Amino acid sequence: MIPTYLALNDLLSVFPAIGLGYYAVRMFLLTRLGRLEKGWSFIIVGGFVCSLGFSFLVIQDLTVAYSFPYIFTYYAGTSFGAVGFFLVMLGVRSQYSVWSLKNFASVQIERENSNNS
């Protein structure tokens, strides 16, 4: 039998995961039209994959410990979570490289050089 606190915790935490997956899909449909930069696409796809991984981990709590479904959902959830976090990291890194002060300084120098020419 599943402990009540575990089932309640899973139930309360699965709603934000579903919301994240839903809005990630909606944003992805917009980004495929070229409206956002590459970094945001990584973040959006990574968010969806993390949501999918979390869903597998919630299903794991509903299975018998150390059975095949338990092990499968554990490995699937952990793998999807790791891939999702990696994609989010790439997206944040891409956004950081665009917004870093070093990048702004090089753009400012290029503008000054083009204005002086």
C-alpha atoms as a PDB file:
ATOM      1  CA  MET A   1       0.000   0.000   0.000  1.00  0.00           C
ATOM      2  CA  ILE A   2       1.222   3.483  -0.863  1.00  0.00           C
ATOM      3  CA  PRO A   3       1.695   5.815   2.137  1.00  0.00           C
ATOM      4  CA  THR A   4      -0.838   8.644   2.191  1.00  0.00           C
ATOM      5  CA  TYR A   5       1.785  11.383   2.525  1.00  0.00           C
ATOM      6  CA  LEU A   6       3.667  10.051  -0.534  1.00  0.00           C
ATOM      7  CA  ALA A   7       0.513   9.916  -2.654  1.00  0.00           C
ATOM      8  CA  LEU A   8      -0.486  13.423  -1.544  1.00  0.00           C
ATOM      9  CA  ASN A   9       3.003  14.751  -2.241  1.00  0.00           C
ATOM     10  CA  ASP A  10       2.987  13.180  -5.713  1.00  0.00           C
ATOM     11  CA  LEU A  11      -0.467  14.522  -6.434  1.00  0.00           C
ATOM     12  CA  LEU A  12       0.474  18.058  -5.397  1.00  0.00           C
ATOM     13  CA  SER A  13       3.763  18.027  -7.293  1.00  0.00           C
ATOM     14  CA  VAL A  14       2.461  16.522 -10.520  1.00  0.00           C
ATOM     15  CA  PHE A  15       0.218  19.535 -11.248  1.00  0.00           C
ATOM     16  CA  PRO A  16       3.117  21.988 -11.704  1.00  0.00           C
ATOM     17  CA  ALA A  17       4.912  19.360 -13.811  1.00  0.00           C
ATOM     18  CA  ILE A  18       1.875  19.042 -16.069  1.00  0.00           C
ATOM     19  CA  GLY A  19       1.646  22.838 -16.290  1.00  0.00           C
ATOM     20  CA  LEU A  20       5.329  23.076 -17.198  1.00  0.00           C
ATOM     21  CA  GLY A  21       4.913  20.467 -19.918  1.00  0.00           C
ATOM     22  CA  TYR A  22       1.774  22.150 -21.264  1.00  0.00           C
ATOM     23  CA  TYR A  23       3.304  25.614 -21.530  1.00  0.00           C
ATOM     24  CA  ALA A  24       6.561  24.194 -22.879  1.00  0.00           C
ATOM     25  CA  VAL A  25       4.653  22.586 -25.751  1.00  0.00           C
ATOM     26  CA  ARG A  26       2.753  25.814 -26.417  1.00  0.00           C
ATOM     27  CA  MET A  27       5.980  27.853 -26.413  1.00  0.00           C
ATOM     28  CA  PHE A  28       7.717  25.288 -28.610  1.00  0.00           C
ATOM     29  CA  LEU A  29       4.973  25.665 -31.201  1.00  0.00           C
ATOM     30  CA  LEU A  30       5.729  29.398 -31.252  1.00  0.00           C
ATOM     31  CA  THR A  31       9.512  29.002 -31.361  1.00  0.00           C
ATOM     32  CA  ARG A  32       9.443  26.631 -34.294  1.00  0.00           C
ATOM     33  CA  LEU A  33       8.178  29.589 -36.292  1.00  0.00           C
ATOM     34  CA  GLY A  34      11.450  31.367 -35.546  1.00  0.00           C
ATOM     35  CA  ARG A  35      10.100  33.858 -33.023  1.00  0.00           C
ATOM     36  CA  LEU A  36      12.617  33.117 -30.271  1.00  0.00           C
ATOM     37  CA  GLU A  37      16.333  32.515 -30.135  1.00  0.00           C
ATOM     38  CA  LYS A  38      18.065  29.157 -30.021  1.00  0.00           C
ATOM     39  CA  GLY A  39      18.714  29.431 -26.287  1.00  0.00           C
ATOM     40  CA  TRP A  40      15.035  29.709 -25.454  1.00  0.00           C
ATOM     41  CA  SER A  41      14.277  26.714 -27.644  1.00  0.00           C
ATOM     42  CA  PHE A  42      16.724  24.631 -25.589  1.00  0.00           C
ATOM     43  CA  ILE A  43      15.127  25.865 -22.369  1.00  0.00           C
ATOM     44  CA  ILE A  44      11.615  25.075 -23.560  1.00  0.00           C
ATOM     45  CA  VAL A  45      12.417  21.583 -24.845  1.00  0.00           C
ATOM     46  CA  GLY A  46      14.448  20.911 -21.698  1.00  0.00           C
ATOM     47  CA  GLY A  47      11.518  21.971 -19.532  1.00  0.00           C
ATOM     48  CA  PHE A  48       9.212  19.588 -21.364  1.00  0.00           C
ATOM     49  CA  VAL A  49      11.679  16.707 -21.068  1.00  0.00           C
ATOM     50  CA  CYS A  50      12.130  17.404 -17.331  1.00  0.00           C
ATOM     51  CA  SER A  51       8.353  17.352 -16.930  1.00  0.00           C
ATOM     52  CA  LEU A  52       8.185  14.030 -18.730  1.00  0.00           C
ATOM     53  CA  GLY A  53      10.945  12.614 -16.542  1.00  0.00           C
ATOM     54  CA  PHE A  54       9.192  13.776 -13.406  1.00  0.00           C
ATOM     55  CA  SER A  55       6.001  12.082 -14.564  1.00  0.00           C
ATOM     56  CA  PHE A  56       7.889   8.786 -14.828  1.00  0.00           C
ATOM     57  CA  LEU A  57       9.214   9.260 -11.297  1.00  0.00           C
ATOM     58  CA  VAL A  58       5.683   9.860 -10.006  1.00  0.00           C
ATOM     59  CA  ILE A  59       4.528   6.661 -11.714  1.00  0.00           C
ATOM     60  CA  GLN A  60       7.446   4.882 -10.037  1.00  0.00           C
ATOM     61  CA  ASP A  61       5.945   5.658  -6.633  1.00  0.00           C
ATOM     62  CA  LEU A  62       2.768   3.863  -7.690  1.00  0.00           C
ATOM     63  CA  THR A  63       4.513   0.595  -8.590  1.00  0.00           C
ATOM     64  CA  VAL A  64       5.703  -2.289  -6.447  1.00  0.00           C
ATOM     65  CA  ALA A  65       9.266  -1.725  -5.241  1.00  0.00           C
ATOM     66  CA  TYR A  66      11.988  -3.382  -7.316  1.00  0.00           C
ATOM     67  CA  SER A  67       9.593  -4.834  -9.874  1.00  0.00           C
ATOM     68  CA  PHE A  68      10.201  -4.355 -13.607  1.00  0.00           C
ATOM     69  CA  PRO A  69       7.835  -1.342 -13.891  1.00  0.00           C
ATOM     70  CA  TYR A  70       9.529   0.227 -10.863  1.00  0.00           C
ATOM     71  CA  ILE A  71      13.020  -0.156 -12.330  1.00  0.00           C
ATOM     72  CA  PHE A  72      11.906   0.935 -15.815  1.00  0.00           C
ATOM     73  CA  THR A  73      10.168   4.090 -14.592  1.00  0.00           C
ATOM     74  CA  TYR A  74      13.122   4.876 -12.320  1.00  0.00           C
ATOM     75  CA  TYR A  75      15.660   4.713 -15.141  1.00  0.00           C
ATOM     76  CA  ALA A  76      13.367   6.448 -17.640  1.00  0.00           C
ATOM     77  CA  GLY A  77      12.540   9.268 -15.219  1.00  0.00           C
ATOM     78  CA  THR A  78      16.142   9.799 -14.210  1.00  0.00           C
ATOM     79  CA  SER A  79      17.340   9.716 -17.821  1.00  0.00           C
ATOM     80  CA  PHE A  80      14.691  12.145 -19.055  1.00  0.00           C
ATOM     81  CA  GLY A  81      15.410  14.415 -16.094  1.00  0.00           C
ATOM     82  CA  ALA A  82      19.146  14.444 -16.806  1.00  0.00           C
ATOM     83  CA  VAL A  83      18.627  15.174 -20.512  1.00  0.00           C
ATOM     84  CA  GLY A  84      16.103  17.894 -19.673  1.00  0.00           C
ATOM     85  CA  PHE A  85      18.418  19.586 -17.195  1.00  0.00           C
ATOM     86  CA  PHE A  86      21.261  19.402 -19.720  1.00  0.00           C
ATOM     87  CA  LEU A  87      19.101  21.119 -22.362  1.00  0.00           C
ATOM     88  CA  VAL A  88      18.021  23.793 -19.875  1.00  0.00           C
ATOM     89  CA  MET A  89      21.691  24.335 -18.983  1.00  0.00           C
ATOM     90  CA  LEU A  90      22.604  24.761 -22.667  1.00  0.00           C
ATOM     91  CA  GLY A  91      19.763  27.233 -23.124  1.00  0.00           C
ATOM     92  CA  VAL A  92      20.709  29.281 -20.063  1.00  0.00           C
ATOM     93  CA  ARG A  93      24.358  29.224 -21.186  1.00  0.00           C
ATOM     94  CA  SER A  94      23.310  30.477 -24.611  1.00  0.00           C
ATOM     95  CA  GLN A  95      21.273  33.289 -23.058  1.00  0.00           C
ATOM     96  CA  TYR A  96      24.145  34.144 -20.717  1.00  0.00           C
ATOM     97  CA  SER A  97      26.558  34.462 -23.617  1.00  0.00           C
ATOM     98  CA  VAL A  98      24.174  36.868 -25.348  1.00  0.00           C
ATOM     99  CA  TRP A  99      23.537  38.992 -22.244  1.00  0.00           C
ATOM    100  CA  SER A 100      27.014  38.964 -20.668  1.00  0.00           C
ATOM    101  CA  LEU A 101      28.813  42.273 -20.249  1.00  0.00           C
ATOM    102  CA  LYS A 102      31.731  40.986 -22.289  1.00  0.00           C
ATOM    103  CA  ASN A 103      29.428  40.567 -25.286  1.00  0.00           C
ATOM    104  CA  PHE A 104      27.915  44.022 -24.807  1.00  0.00           C
ATOM    105  CA  ALA A 105      31.392  45.563 -24.608  1.00  0.00           C
ATOM    106  CA  SER A 106      32.398  44.007 -27.940  1.00  0.00           C
ATOM    107  CA  VAL A 107      29.188  45.288 -29.571  1.00  0.00           C
ATOM    108  CA  GLN A 108      29.864  48.792 -28.213  1.00  0.00           C
ATOM    109  CA  ILE A 109      33.425  48.749 -29.612  1.00  0.00           C
ATOM    110  CA  GLU A 110      32.120  47.617 -33.007  1.00  0.00           C
ATOM    111  CA  ARG A 111      29.572  50.466 -33.024  1.00  0.00           C
ATOM    112  CA  GLU A 112      32.216  53.024 -32.136  1.00  0.00           C
ATOM    113  CA  ASN A 113      34.499  51.727 -34.881  1.00  0.00           C
ATOM    114  CA  SER A 114      31.715  51.824 -37.474  1.00  0.00           C
ATOM    115  CA  ASN A 115      30.708  55.355 -36.430  1.00  0.00           C
ATOM    116  CA  ASN A 116      34.305  56.602 -36.697  1.00  0.00           C
ATOM    117  CA  SER A 117      34.741  55.186 -40.198  1.00  0.00           C
END
